[in-house]
Amino acid sequence: MSSLLEKVKANLILDTDTDNEILQEFINSAISYAESYQKKSAGYYAVNAMPPTTEQAVIMLSSHFYESRDGSTGGFFADNVNAATQVWNTVNTLLRLDRNWKV
């Protein structure tokens, strides 16, 4: 999953390793959310390939966690009160594509 770290850093336009530890925690949380939302077992993506749509959702969600770690909407859309809702709607739409719909 180290490539995910590099992709999240590229998305955030970060070129230092200073925040790698916290970024990895946000990536782990985003992956856990993806597995839960998609009704996959915990650790599923540790042993199975992550589809591109799920990877993009993880990158977006990890970036959102990082940019709003102070509790605000944060980041580029800091002046938009709907920014967090937009992120979550997009992430959930991407995750829905690879969801296990079995009951």
PDB file of N, CA and C in Angstrom:
ATOM      1  N   MET A   1       0.821  -1.204   0.000  1.00  0.00           N
ATOM      2  CA  MET A   1       0.000   0.000   0.000  1.00  0.00           C
ATOM      3  C   MET A   1       0.862   1.264   0.000  1.00  0.00           C
ATOM      4  N   SER A   2       2.183   1.106  -0.053  1.00  0.00           N
ATOM      5  CA  SER A   2       3.027   2.303  -0.052  1.00  0.00           C
ATOM      6  C   SER A   2       2.753   3.177  -1.261  1.00  0.00           C
ATOM      7  N   SER A   3       2.329   2.586  -2.373  1.00  0.00           N
ATOM      8  CA  SER A   3       2.007   3.405  -3.542  1.00  0.00           C
ATOM      9  C   SER A   3       0.802   4.302  -3.252  1.00  0.00           C
ATOM     10  N   LEU A   4      -0.089   3.849  -2.398  1.00  0.00           N
ATOM     11  CA  LEU A   4      -1.214   4.705  -2.009  1.00  0.00           C
ATOM     12  C   LEU A   4      -0.710   5.947  -1.283  1.00  0.00           C
ATOM     13  N   LEU A   5       0.275   5.786  -0.440  1.00  0.00           N
ATOM     14  CA  LEU A   5       0.843   6.927   0.263  1.00  0.00           C
ATOM     15  C   LEU A   5       1.375   7.943  -0.747  1.00  0.00           C
ATOM     16  N   GLU A   6       2.086   7.471  -1.737  1.00  0.00           N
ATOM     17  CA  GLU A   6       2.636   8.380  -2.750  1.00  0.00           C
ATOM     18  C   GLU A   6       1.519   9.052  -3.547  1.00  0.00           C
ATOM     19  N   LYS A   7       0.466   8.324  -3.838  1.00  0.00           N
ATOM     20  CA  LYS A   7      -0.661   8.893  -4.585  1.00  0.00           C
ATOM     21  C   LYS A   7      -1.414   9.934  -3.760  1.00  0.00           C
ATOM     22  N   VAL A   8      -1.572   9.675  -2.475  1.00  0.00           N
ATOM     23  CA  VAL A   8      -2.235  10.642  -1.599  1.00  0.00           C
ATOM     24  C   VAL A   8      -1.371  11.894  -1.484  1.00  0.00           C
ATOM     25  N   LYS A   9      -0.060  11.719  -1.328  1.00  0.00           N
ATOM     26  CA  LYS A   9       0.832  12.875  -1.249  1.00  0.00           C
ATOM     27  C   LYS A   9       0.799  13.684  -2.543  1.00  0.00           C
ATOM     28  N   ALA A  10       0.741  13.015  -3.668  1.00  0.00           N
ATOM     29  CA  ALA A  10       0.651  13.719  -4.957  1.00  0.00           C
ATOM     30  C   ALA A  10      -0.666  14.485  -5.041  1.00  0.00           C
ATOM     31  N   ASN A  11      -1.742  13.866  -4.577  1.00  0.00           N
ATOM     32  CA  ASN A  11      -3.047  14.523  -4.593  1.00  0.00           C
ATOM     33  C   ASN A  11      -3.051  15.773  -3.719  1.00  0.00           C
ATOM     34  N   LEU A  12      -2.339  15.705  -2.615  1.00  0.00           N
ATOM     35  CA  LEU A  12      -2.259  16.832  -1.683  1.00  0.00           C
ATOM     36  C   LEU A  12      -1.150  17.827  -2.049  1.00  0.00           C
ATOM     37  N   ILE A  13      -0.371  17.475  -3.048  1.00  0.00           N
ATOM     38  CA  ILE A  13       0.788  18.268  -3.467  1.00  0.00           C
ATOM     39  C   ILE A  13       1.759  18.443  -2.294  1.00  0.00           C
ATOM     40  N   LEU A  14       2.083  17.323  -1.664  1.00  0.00           N
ATOM     41  CA  LEU A  14       3.063  17.285  -0.569  1.00  0.00           C
ATOM     42  C   LEU A  14       4.336  16.641  -1.094  1.00  0.00           C
ATOM     43  N   ASP A  15       5.459  17.293  -0.882  1.00  0.00           N
ATOM     44  CA  ASP A  15       6.711  16.718  -1.355  1.00  0.00           C
ATOM     45  C   ASP A  15       7.720  16.476  -0.228  1.00  0.00           C
ATOM     46  N   THR A  16       7.209  16.397   1.000  1.00  0.00           N
ATOM     47  CA  THR A  16       8.064  16.051   2.134  1.00  0.00           C
ATOM     48  C   THR A  16       7.524  14.770   2.773  1.00  0.00           C
ATOM     49  N   ASP A  17       8.332  14.176   3.613  1.00  0.00           N
ATOM     50  CA  ASP A  17       7.931  12.960   4.315  1.00  0.00           C
ATOM     51  C   ASP A  17       7.483  13.248   5.741  1.00  0.00           C
ATOM     52  N   THR A  18       7.389  14.514   6.095  1.00  0.00           N
ATOM     53  CA  THR A  18       7.082  14.924   7.461  1.00  0.00           C
ATOM     54  C   THR A  18       5.791  14.314   7.987  1.00  0.00           C
ATOM     55  N   ASP A  19       4.755  14.269   7.165  1.00  0.00           N
ATOM     56  CA  ASP A  19       3.440  13.800   7.613  1.00  0.00           C
ATOM     57  C   ASP A  19       3.110  12.380   7.168  1.00  0.00           C
ATOM     58  N   ASN A  20       4.107  11.619   6.755  1.00  0.00           N
ATOM     59  CA  ASN A  20       3.845  10.257   6.268  1.00  0.00           C
ATOM     60  C   ASN A  20       3.097   9.390   7.270  1.00  0.00           C
ATOM     61  N   GLU A  21       3.463   9.501   8.532  1.00  0.00           N
ATOM     62  CA  GLU A  21       2.837   8.654   9.557  1.00  0.00           C
ATOM     63  C   GLU A  21       1.347   8.955   9.689  1.00  0.00           C
ATOM     64  N   ILE A  22       0.994  10.214   9.794  1.00  0.00           N
ATOM     65  CA  ILE A  22      -0.425  10.558   9.927  1.00  0.00           C
ATOM     66  C   ILE A  22      -1.168  10.272   8.621  1.00  0.00           C
ATOM     67  N   LEU A  23      -0.518  10.493   7.492  1.00  0.00           N
ATOM     68  CA  LEU A  23      -1.156  10.165   6.205  1.00  0.00           C
ATOM     69  C   LEU A  23      -1.460   8.669   6.116  1.00  0.00           C
ATOM     70  N   GLN A  24      -0.519   7.843   6.573  1.00  0.00           N
ATOM     71  CA  GLN A  24      -0.750   6.397   6.536  1.00  0.00           C
ATOM     72  C   GLN A  24      -1.916   6.003   7.443  1.00  0.00           C
ATOM     73  N   GLU A  25      -2.050   6.677   8.575  1.00  0.00           N
ATOM     74  CA  GLU A  25      -3.195   6.413   9.454  1.00  0.00           C
ATOM     75  C   GLU A  25      -4.505   6.793   8.763  1.00  0.00           C
ATOM     76  N   PHE A  26      -4.508   7.918   8.051  1.00  0.00           N
ATOM     77  CA  PHE A  26      -5.712   8.325   7.319  1.00  0.00           C
ATOM     78  C   PHE A  26      -6.009   7.353   6.179  1.00  0.00           C
ATOM     79  N   ILE A  27      -4.976   6.857   5.513  1.00  0.00           N
ATOM     80  CA  ILE A  27      -5.161   5.863   4.449  1.00  0.00           C
ATOM     81  C   ILE A  27      -5.751   4.588   5.037  1.00  0.00           C
ATOM     82  N   ASN A  28      -5.207   4.144   6.171  1.00  0.00           N
ATOM     83  CA  ASN A  28      -5.736   2.936   6.821  1.00  0.00           C
ATOM     84  C   ASN A  28      -7.209   3.114   7.194  1.00  0.00           C
ATOM     85  N   SER A  29      -7.553   4.286   7.698  1.00  0.00           N
ATOM     86  CA  SER A  29      -8.952   4.565   8.057  1.00  0.00           C
ATOM     87  C   SER A  29      -9.841   4.579   6.818  1.00  0.00           C
ATOM     88  N   ALA A  30      -9.350   5.173   5.737  1.00  0.00           N
ATOM     89  CA  ALA A  30     -10.121   5.227   4.497  1.00  0.00           C
ATOM     90  C   ALA A  30     -10.322   3.830   3.910  1.00  0.00           C
ATOM     91  N   ILE A  31      -9.303   2.997   3.993  1.00  0.00           N
ATOM     92  CA  ILE A  31      -9.430   1.618   3.508  1.00  0.00           C
ATOM     93  C   ILE A  31     -10.433   0.861   4.367  1.00  0.00           C
ATOM     94  N   SER A  32     -10.360   1.040   5.662  1.00  0.00           N
ATOM     95  CA  SER A  32     -11.307   0.388   6.564  1.00  0.00           C
ATOM     96  C   SER A  32     -12.739   0.825   6.244  1.00  0.00           C
ATOM     97  N   TYR A  33     -12.914   2.123   6.001  1.00  0.00           N
ATOM     98  CA  TYR A  33     -14.237   2.625   5.628  1.00  0.00           C
ATOM     99  C   TYR A  33     -14.699   1.984   4.322  1.00  0.00           C
ATOM    100  N   ALA A  34     -13.805   1.914   3.346  1.00  0.00           N
ATOM    101  CA  ALA A  34     -14.152   1.316   2.055  1.00  0.00           C
ATOM    102  C   ALA A  34     -14.577  -0.140   2.221  1.00  0.00           C
ATOM    103  N   GLU A  35     -13.818  -0.904   2.990  1.00  0.00           N
ATOM    104  CA  GLU A  35     -14.154  -2.310   3.210  1.00  0.00           C
ATOM    105  C   GLU A  35     -15.513  -2.442   3.880  1.00  0.00           C
ATOM    106  N   SER A  36     -15.770  -1.617   4.863  1.00  0.00           N
ATOM    107  CA  SER A  36     -17.048  -1.668   5.563  1.00  0.00           C
ATOM    108  C   SER A  36     -18.197  -1.264   4.643  1.00  0.00           C
ATOM    109  N   TYR A  37     -18.022  -0.157   3.924  1.00  0.00           N
ATOM    110  CA  TYR A  37     -19.074   0.330   3.033  1.00  0.00           C
ATOM    111  C   TYR A  37     -19.379  -0.696   1.946  1.00  0.00           C
ATOM    112  N   GLN A  38     -18.346  -1.347   1.451  1.00  0.00           N
ATOM    113  CA  GLN A  38     -18.515  -2.326   0.371  1.00  0.00           C
ATOM    114  C   GLN A  38     -18.895  -3.716   0.884  1.00  0.00           C
ATOM    115  N   LYS A  39     -19.061  -3.824   2.196  1.00  0.00           N
ATOM    116  CA  LYS A  39     -19.439  -5.084   2.836  1.00  0.00           C
ATOM    117  C   LYS A  39     -18.406  -6.189   2.564  1.00  0.00           C
ATOM    118  N   LYS A  40     -17.144  -5.799   2.691  1.00  0.00           N
ATOM    119  CA  LYS A  40     -16.039  -6.738   2.549  1.00  0.00           C
ATOM    120  C   LYS A  40     -15.429  -6.949   3.937  1.00  0.00           C
ATOM    121  N   SER A  41     -14.800  -8.068   4.130  1.00  0.00           N
ATOM    122  CA  SER A  41     -14.223  -8.360   5.442  1.00  0.00           C
ATOM    123  C   SER A  41     -13.043  -7.422   5.723  1.00  0.00           C
ATOM    124  N   ALA A  42     -12.811  -7.202   7.006  1.00  0.00           N
ATOM    125  CA  ALA A  42     -11.682  -6.364   7.419  1.00  0.00           C
ATOM    126  C   ALA A  42     -10.391  -6.972   6.887  1.00  0.00           C
ATOM    127  N   GLY A  43      -9.542  -6.156   6.311  1.00  0.00           N
ATOM    128  CA  GLY A  43      -8.289  -6.632   5.746  1.00  0.00           C
ATOM    129  C   GLY A  43      -8.406  -7.152   4.329  1.00  0.00           C
ATOM    130  N   TYR A  44      -9.580  -7.033   3.737  1.00  0.00           N
ATOM    131  CA  TYR A  44      -9.810  -7.543   2.382  1.00  0.00           C
ATOM    132  C   TYR A  44      -8.794  -6.982   1.387  1.00  0.00           C
ATOM    133  N   TYR A  45      -8.567  -5.684   1.442  1.00  0.00           N
ATOM    134  CA  TYR A  45      -7.670  -5.070   0.467  1.00  0.00           C
ATOM    135  C   TYR A  45      -6.194  -5.263   0.793  1.00  0.00           C
ATOM    136  N   ALA A  46      -5.900  -5.875   1.912  1.00  0.00           N
ATOM    137  CA  ALA A  46      -4.518  -6.234   2.215  1.00  0.00           C
ATOM    138  C   ALA A  46      -4.092  -7.449   1.397  1.00  0.00           C
ATOM    139  N   VAL A  47      -5.073  -8.261   0.979  1.00  0.00           N
ATOM    140  CA  VAL A  47      -4.762  -9.485   0.234  1.00  0.00           C
ATOM    141  C   VAL A  47      -5.406  -9.530  -1.152  1.00  0.00           C
ATOM    142  N   ASN A  48      -6.261  -8.582  -1.459  1.00  0.00           N
ATOM    143  CA  ASN A  48      -6.926  -8.530  -2.760  1.00  0.00           C
ATOM    144  C   ASN A  48      -6.628  -7.206  -3.444  1.00  0.00           C
ATOM    145  N   ALA A  49      -6.611  -7.239  -4.748  1.00  0.00           N
ATOM    146  CA  ALA A  49      -6.363  -6.017  -5.516  1.00  0.00           C
ATOM    147  C   ALA A  49      -7.484  -5.003  -5.282  1.00  0.00           C
ATOM    148  N   MET A  50      -7.110  -3.754  -5.210  1.00  0.00           N
ATOM    149  CA  MET A  50      -8.079  -2.682  -5.035  1.00  0.00           C
ATOM    150  C   MET A  50      -8.440  -2.137  -6.411  1.00  0.00           C
ATOM    151  N   PRO A  51      -9.733  -2.164  -6.773  1.00  0.00           N
ATOM    152  CA  PRO A  51     -10.138  -1.617  -8.069  1.00  0.00           C
ATOM    153  C   PRO A  51      -9.823  -0.117  -8.155  1.00  0.00           C
ATOM    154  N   PRO A  52      -9.613   0.397  -9.348  1.00  0.00           N
ATOM    155  CA  PRO A  52      -9.277   1.817  -9.508  1.00  0.00           C
ATOM    156  C   PRO A  52     -10.298   2.772  -8.895  1.00  0.00           C
ATOM    157  N   THR A  53     -11.575   2.439  -8.958  1.00  0.00           N
ATOM    158  CA  THR A  53     -12.578   3.345  -8.379  1.00  0.00           C
ATOM    159  C   THR A  53     -12.467   3.378  -6.861  1.00  0.00           C
ATOM    160  N   THR A  54     -12.215   2.240  -6.260  1.00  0.00           N
ATOM    161  CA  THR A  54     -12.024   2.192  -4.805  1.00  0.00           C
ATOM    162  C   THR A  54     -10.747   2.914  -4.417  1.00  0.00           C
ATOM    163  N   GLU A  55      -9.689   2.719  -5.197  1.00  0.00           N
ATOM    164  CA  GLU A  55      -8.432   3.419  -4.918  1.00  0.00           C
ATOM    165  C   GLU A  55      -8.637   4.930  -4.963  1.00  0.00           C
ATOM    166  N   GLN A  56      -9.369   5.407  -5.953  1.00  0.00           N
ATOM    167  CA  GLN A  56      -9.614   6.845  -6.050  1.00  0.00           C
ATOM    168  C   GLN A  56     -10.411   7.330  -4.835  1.00  0.00           C
ATOM    169  N   ALA A  57     -11.382   6.550  -4.397  1.00  0.00           N
ATOM    170  CA  ALA A  57     -12.164   6.917  -3.215  1.00  0.00           C
ATOM    171  C   ALA A  57     -11.274   6.983  -1.985  1.00  0.00           C
ATOM    172  N   VAL A  58     -10.363   6.036  -1.838  1.00  0.00           N
ATOM    173  CA  VAL A  58      -9.438   6.020  -0.698  1.00  0.00           C
ATOM    174  C   VAL A  58      -8.508   7.236  -0.746  1.00  0.00           C
ATOM    175  N   ILE A  59      -8.025   7.568  -1.924  1.00  0.00           N
ATOM    176  CA  ILE A  59      -7.162   8.739  -2.078  1.00  0.00           C
ATOM    177  C   ILE A  59      -7.931  10.003  -1.696  1.00  0.00           C
ATOM    178  N   MET A  60      -9.138  10.142  -2.206  1.00  0.00           N
ATOM    179  CA  MET A  60      -9.949  11.327  -1.911  1.00  0.00           C
ATOM    180  C   MET A  60     -10.277  11.424  -0.426  1.00  0.00           C
ATOM    181  N   LEU A  61     -10.675  10.301   0.167  1.00  0.00           N
ATOM    182  CA  LEU A  61     -11.070  10.322   1.572  1.00  0.00           C
ATOM    183  C   LEU A  61      -9.857  10.575   2.479  1.00  0.00           C
ATOM    184  N   SER A  62      -8.732   9.958   2.176  1.00  0.00           N
ATOM    185  CA  SER A  62      -7.512  10.197   2.947  1.00  0.00           C
ATOM    186  C   SER A  62      -7.101  11.664   2.867  1.00  0.00           C
ATOM    187  N   SER A  63      -7.188  12.222   1.673  1.00  0.00           N
ATOM    188  CA  SER A  63      -6.851  13.636   1.483  1.00  0.00           C
ATOM    189  C   SER A  63      -7.811  14.524   2.261  1.00  0.00           C
ATOM    190  N   HIS A  64      -9.081  14.171   2.249  1.00  0.00           N
ATOM    191  CA  HIS A  64     -10.081  14.943   3.003  1.00  0.00           C
ATOM    192  C   HIS A  64      -9.787  14.880   4.502  1.00  0.00           C
ATOM    193  N   PHE A  65      -9.480  13.685   5.007  1.00  0.00           N
ATOM    194  CA  PHE A  65      -9.137  13.548   6.425  1.00  0.00           C
ATOM    195  C   PHE A  65      -7.950  14.447   6.775  1.00  0.00           C
ATOM    196  N   TYR A  66      -6.934  14.447   5.922  1.00  0.00           N
ATOM    197  CA  TYR A  66      -5.734  15.247   6.168  1.00  0.00           C
ATOM    198  C   TYR A  66      -6.049  16.736   6.143  1.00  0.00           C
ATOM    199  N   GLU A  67      -6.772  17.167   5.128  1.00  0.00           N
ATOM    200  CA  GLU A  67      -7.053  18.592   4.973  1.00  0.00           C
ATOM    201  C   GLU A  67      -8.029  19.125   6.016  1.00  0.00           C
ATOM    202  N   SER A  68      -8.827  18.258   6.603  1.00  0.00           N
ATOM    203  CA  SER A  68      -9.815  18.725   7.583  1.00  0.00           C
ATOM    204  C   SER A  68      -9.525  18.172   8.975  1.00  0.00           C
ATOM    205  N   ARG A  69      -8.274  17.864   9.242  1.00  0.00           N
ATOM    206  CA  ARG A  69      -7.912  17.270  10.536  1.00  0.00           C
ATOM    207  C   ARG A  69      -8.136  18.207  11.705  1.00  0.00           C
ATOM    208  N   ASP A  70      -8.337  19.482  11.426  1.00  0.00           N
ATOM    209  CA  ASP A  70      -8.633  20.432  12.500  1.00  0.00           C
ATOM    210  C   ASP A  70     -10.127  20.536  12.770  1.00  0.00           C
ATOM    211  N   GLY A  71     -10.935  19.760  12.054  1.00  0.00           N
ATOM    212  CA  GLY A  71     -12.381  19.761  12.270  1.00  0.00           C
ATOM    213  C   GLY A  71     -13.148  20.662  11.333  1.00  0.00           C
ATOM    214  N   SER A  72     -12.443  21.415  10.510  1.00  0.00           N
ATOM    215  CA  SER A  72     -13.120  22.266   9.536  1.00  0.00           C
ATOM    216  C   SER A  72     -13.241  21.521   8.216  1.00  0.00           C
ATOM    217  N   THR A  73     -13.814  22.157   7.220  1.00  0.00           N
ATOM    218  CA  THR A  73     -13.863  21.521   5.896  1.00  0.00           C
ATOM    219  C   THR A  73     -12.470  21.494   5.310  1.00  0.00           C
ATOM    220  N   GLY A  74     -11.689  22.511   5.552  1.00  0.00           N
ATOM    221  CA  GLY A  74     -10.280  22.552   5.195  1.00  0.00           C
ATOM    222  C   GLY A  74      -9.981  22.530   3.714  1.00  0.00           C
ATOM    223  N   GLY A  75      -8.709  22.703   3.436  1.00  0.00           N
ATOM    224  CA  GLY A  75      -8.215  22.567   2.085  1.00  0.00           C
ATOM    225  C   GLY A  75      -8.737  23.590   1.093  1.00  0.00           C
ATOM    226  N   PHE A  76      -8.720  23.208  -0.144  1.00  0.00           N
ATOM    227  CA  PHE A  76      -9.068  24.073  -1.269  1.00  0.00           C
ATOM    228  C   PHE A  76     -10.481  24.622  -1.157  1.00  0.00           C
ATOM    229  N   PHE A  77     -11.401  23.819  -0.614  1.00  0.00           N
ATOM    230  CA  PHE A  77     -12.802  24.216  -0.540  1.00  0.00           C
ATOM    231  C   PHE A  77     -13.179  24.771   0.833  1.00  0.00           C
ATOM    232  N   ALA A  78     -12.223  25.334   1.557  1.00  0.00           N
ATOM    233  CA  ALA A  78     -12.458  25.796   2.924  1.00  0.00           C
ATOM    234  C   ALA A  78     -13.589  26.815   3.022  1.00  0.00           C
ATOM    235  N   ASP A  79     -13.838  27.556   1.951  1.00  0.00           N
ATOM    236  CA  ASP A  79     -14.892  28.569   1.997  1.00  0.00           C
ATOM    237  C   ASP A  79     -16.250  28.017   1.579  1.00  0.00           C
ATOM    238  N   ASN A  80     -16.321  26.732   1.296  1.00  0.00           N
ATOM    239  CA  ASN A  80     -17.562  26.104   0.852  1.00  0.00           C
ATOM    240  C   ASN A  80     -18.078  25.193   1.960  1.00  0.00           C
ATOM    241  N   VAL A  81     -19.210  25.569   2.559  1.00  0.00           N
ATOM    242  CA  VAL A  81     -19.735  24.782   3.686  1.00  0.00           C
ATOM    243  C   VAL A  81     -20.204  23.401   3.257  1.00  0.00           C
ATOM    244  N   ASN A  82     -20.417  23.193   1.980  1.00  0.00           N
ATOM    245  CA  ASN A  82     -20.863  21.886   1.485  1.00  0.00           C
ATOM    246  C   ASN A  82     -19.704  20.995   1.049  1.00  0.00           C
ATOM    247  N   ALA A  83     -18.477  21.421   1.260  1.00  0.00           N
ATOM    248  CA  ALA A  83     -17.318  20.677   0.781  1.00  0.00           C
ATOM    249  C   ALA A  83     -17.281  19.258   1.340  1.00  0.00           C
ATOM    250  N   ALA A  84     -17.479  19.124   2.637  1.00  0.00           N
ATOM    251  CA  ALA A  84     -17.421  17.791   3.247  1.00  0.00           C
ATOM    252  C   ALA A  84     -18.498  16.887   2.683  1.00  0.00           C
ATOM    253  N   THR A  85     -19.694  17.413   2.499  1.00  0.00           N
ATOM    254  CA  THR A  85     -20.790  16.627   1.921  1.00  0.00           C
ATOM    255  C   THR A  85     -20.448  16.196   0.504  1.00  0.00           C
ATOM    256  N   GLN A  86     -19.859  17.081  -0.257  1.00  0.00           N
ATOM    257  CA  GLN A  86     -19.478  16.758  -1.632  1.00  0.00           C
ATOM    258  C   GLN A  86     -18.443  15.641  -1.659  1.00  0.00           C
ATOM    259  N   VAL A  87     -17.468  15.706  -0.770  1.00  0.00           N
ATOM    260  CA  VAL A  87     -16.442  14.667  -0.702  1.00  0.00           C
ATOM    261  C   VAL A  87     -17.071  13.321  -0.376  1.00  0.00           C
ATOM    262  N   TRP A  88     -17.887  13.289   0.680  1.00  0.00           N
ATOM    263  CA  TRP A  88     -18.504  12.025   1.092  1.00  0.00           C
ATOM    264  C   TRP A  88     -19.426  11.465   0.010  1.00  0.00           C
ATOM    265  N   ASN A  89     -20.178  12.312  -0.655  1.00  0.00           N
ATOM    266  CA  ASN A  89     -21.049  11.834  -1.735  1.00  0.00           C
ATOM    267  C   ASN A  89     -20.246  11.226  -2.869  1.00  0.00           C
ATOM    268  N   THR A  90     -19.156  11.865  -3.238  1.00  0.00           N
ATOM    269  CA  THR A  90     -18.310  11.346  -4.307  1.00  0.00           C
ATOM    270  C   THR A  90     -17.646  10.043  -3.897  1.00  0.00           C
ATOM    271  N   VAL A  91     -17.101  10.005  -2.685  1.00  0.00           N
ATOM    272  CA  VAL A  91     -16.451   8.790  -2.190  1.00  0.00           C
ATOM    273  C   VAL A  91     -17.443   7.635  -2.168  1.00  0.00           C
ATOM    274  N   ASN A  92     -18.626   7.862  -1.622  1.00  0.00           N
ATOM    275  CA  ASN A  92     -19.620   6.785  -1.546  1.00  0.00           C
ATOM    276  C   ASN A  92     -20.075   6.335  -2.926  1.00  0.00           C
ATOM    277  N   THR A  93     -20.169   7.245  -3.873  1.00  0.00           N
ATOM    278  CA  THR A  93     -20.532   6.868  -5.245  1.00  0.00           C
ATOM    279  C   THR A  93     -19.448   5.978  -5.846  1.00  0.00           C
ATOM    280  N   LEU A  94     -18.199   6.337  -5.655  1.00  0.00           N
ATOM    281  CA  LEU A  94     -17.102   5.509  -6.167  1.00  0.00           C
ATOM    282  C   LEU A  94     -17.087   4.138  -5.491  1.00  0.00           C
ATOM    283  N   LEU A  95     -17.292   4.101  -4.189  1.00  0.00           N
ATOM    284  CA  LEU A  95     -17.268   2.825  -3.467  1.00  0.00           C
ATOM    285  C   LEU A  95     -18.452   1.940  -3.831  1.00  0.00           C
ATOM    286  N   ARG A  96     -19.556   2.548  -4.143  1.00  0.00           N
ATOM    287  CA  ARG A  96     -20.760   1.805  -4.501  1.00  0.00           C
ATOM    288  C   ARG A  96     -20.518   0.905  -5.734  1.00  0.00           C
ATOM    289  N   LEU A  97     -19.632   1.337  -6.612  1.00  0.00           N
ATOM    290  CA  LEU A  97     -19.360   0.587  -7.846  1.00  0.00           C
ATOM    291  C   LEU A  97     -18.768  -0.792  -7.568  1.00  0.00           C
ATOM    292  N   ASP A  98     -18.068  -0.950  -6.475  1.00  0.00           N
ATOM    293  CA  ASP A  98     -17.441  -2.242  -6.139  1.00  0.00           C
ATOM    294  C   ASP A  98     -18.040  -2.868  -4.882  1.00  0.00           C
ATOM    295  N   ARG A  99     -19.251  -2.450  -4.541  1.00  0.00           N
ATOM    296  CA  ARG A  99     -19.896  -2.948  -3.331  1.00  0.00           C
ATOM    297  C   ARG A  99     -20.401  -4.374  -3.526  1.00  0.00           C
ATOM    298  N   ASN A 100     -20.309  -5.151  -2.472  1.00  0.00           N
ATOM    299  CA  ASN A 100     -20.866  -6.500  -2.460  1.00  0.00           C
ATOM    300  C   ASN A 100     -22.333  -6.384  -2.100  1.00  0.00           C
ATOM    301  N   TRP A 101     -23.208  -6.568  -3.067  1.00  0.00           N
ATOM    302  CA  TRP A 101     -24.639  -6.332  -2.874  1.00  0.00           C
ATOM    303  C   TRP A 101     -25.391  -7.550  -2.340  1.00  0.00           C
ATOM    304  N   LYS A 102     -24.684  -8.638  -2.079  1.00  0.00           N
ATOM    305  CA  LYS A 102     -25.324  -9.828  -1.533  1.00  0.00           C
ATOM    306  C   LYS A 102     -25.787  -9.574  -0.113  1.00  0.00           C
ATOM    307  N   VAL A 103     -26.880 -10.187   0.248  1.00  0.00           N
ATOM    308  CA  VAL A 103     -27.408 -10.030   1.602  1.00  0.00           C
ATOM    309  C   VAL A 103     -26.784 -11.039   2.522  1.00  0.00           C
TER     310      VAL A 103
END
